[in-house]
Amino acid sequence: MPIRTVIAEDNLLVREGVRGLLSSAEDIEVAGVFEDLPGVQVGIRTLEPDVVITDIRMPQVAATRDSDWRPSCGSSDPRWAWSY
């Protein structure tokens, strides 16, 4: 069973690079890729990933406390990996 992963990154080059790297792994499924906070919040609720990889410097994330936006992702409880 592959690890369902969601990527949240506002930089196109980084976003596509991470997608390419993860997609090449047999045990990882890239379930969704998002460029902004509202998109990733909806994606987490609908896709229910195991892992979320997000850019901590995305404008909407950097301006918001972690506790303010993560609960709005719904009942899914993915593991979080922060990139910088």
Protein backbone atom coordinates (compact mmCIF):
# COMPACT_ATOMS: atom_id res chain seq x y z
CA MET A 1 0.00 0.00 0.00
CA PRO A 2 1.63 3.27 -1.09
CA ILE A 3 2.05 6.29 1.15
CA ARG A 4 -0.50 8.89 0.01
CA THR A 5 1.23 12.28 -0.13
CA VAL A 6 0.07 15.84 -0.72
CA ILE A 7 2.50 18.59 -1.73
CA ALA A 8 1.87 22.26 -0.93
CA GLU A 9 4.41 24.62 -2.53
CA ASP A 10 3.96 28.03 -4.13
CA ASN A 11 7.14 27.87 -6.24
CA LEU A 12 6.40 26.04 -9.50
CA LEU A 13 9.94 24.73 -10.02
CA VAL A 14 10.20 23.33 -6.50
CA ARG A 15 6.64 21.96 -6.61
CA GLU A 16 7.23 20.06 -9.84
CA GLY A 17 10.68 18.89 -8.72
CA VAL A 18 9.30 17.40 -5.50
CA ARG A 19 6.42 15.83 -7.44
CA GLY A 20 8.86 14.25 -9.88
CA LEU A 21 11.09 12.86 -7.14
CA LEU A 22 8.22 11.41 -5.14
CA SER A 23 6.43 10.03 -8.20
CA SER A 24 9.49 7.97 -9.07
CA ALA A 25 9.28 6.07 -5.77
CA GLU A 26 7.29 2.84 -5.94
CA ASP A 27 5.90 3.15 -2.42
CA ILE A 28 4.74 6.79 -2.66
CA GLU A 29 1.59 8.06 -4.35
CA VAL A 30 1.35 11.80 -4.99
CA ALA A 31 -2.36 12.24 -4.32
CA GLY A 32 -2.39 16.00 -4.86
CA VAL A 33 -0.24 19.05 -5.52
CA PHE A 34 -1.34 22.54 -4.45
CA GLU A 35 0.12 26.02 -4.78
CA ASP A 36 -1.77 27.79 -1.99
CA LEU A 37 -3.18 27.32 1.50
CA PRO A 38 -6.89 27.20 0.58
CA GLY A 39 -6.17 24.55 -2.04
CA VAL A 40 -4.20 22.32 0.30
CA GLN A 41 -6.87 22.61 3.00
CA VAL A 42 -9.52 21.34 0.58
CA GLY A 43 -7.13 18.71 -0.73
CA ILE A 44 -6.42 17.31 2.71
CA ARG A 45 -10.12 17.06 3.52
CA THR A 46 -10.97 15.32 0.25
CA LEU A 47 -7.85 13.22 -0.42
CA GLU A 48 -7.05 12.17 3.19
CA PRO A 49 -3.29 11.83 2.66
CA ASP A 50 -0.88 10.04 4.98
CA VAL A 51 1.74 12.80 4.63
CA VAL A 52 1.62 16.51 3.79
CA ILE A 53 4.80 18.19 2.57
CA THR A 54 4.42 21.95 2.78
CA ASP A 55 6.55 25.04 2.34
CA ILE A 56 6.61 26.88 5.63
CA ARG A 57 7.44 30.08 3.74
CA MET A 58 4.33 30.10 1.53
CA PRO A 59 2.78 33.54 2.06
CA GLN A 60 -0.45 32.32 3.61
CA VAL A 61 1.31 29.76 5.83
CA ALA A 62 4.06 32.13 7.02
CA ALA A 63 1.47 34.74 8.01
CA THR A 64 -0.68 32.24 9.90
CA ARG A 65 0.04 30.33 13.07
CA ASP A 66 0.15 26.58 12.54
CA SER A 67 -2.70 26.05 15.02
CA ASP A 68 -4.91 28.47 13.06
CA TRP A 69 -4.94 26.64 9.73
CA ARG A 70 -4.18 22.97 10.35
CA PRO A 71 -7.43 22.18 12.21
CA SER A 72 -9.40 23.65 9.30
CA CYS A 73 -8.12 20.77 7.19
CA GLY A 74 -10.83 18.51 8.60
CA SER A 75 -10.70 15.22 10.46
CA SER A 76 -7.80 13.80 8.46
CA ASP A 77 -4.71 13.51 10.66
CA PRO A 78 -1.75 13.30 8.25
CA ARG A 79 1.90 13.53 9.25
CA TRP A 80 3.49 16.85 8.35
CA ALA A 81 6.86 17.53 6.74
CA TRP A 82 7.90 21.17 6.53
CA SER A 83 10.22 22.42 3.81
CA TYR A 84 12.04 25.72 3.83
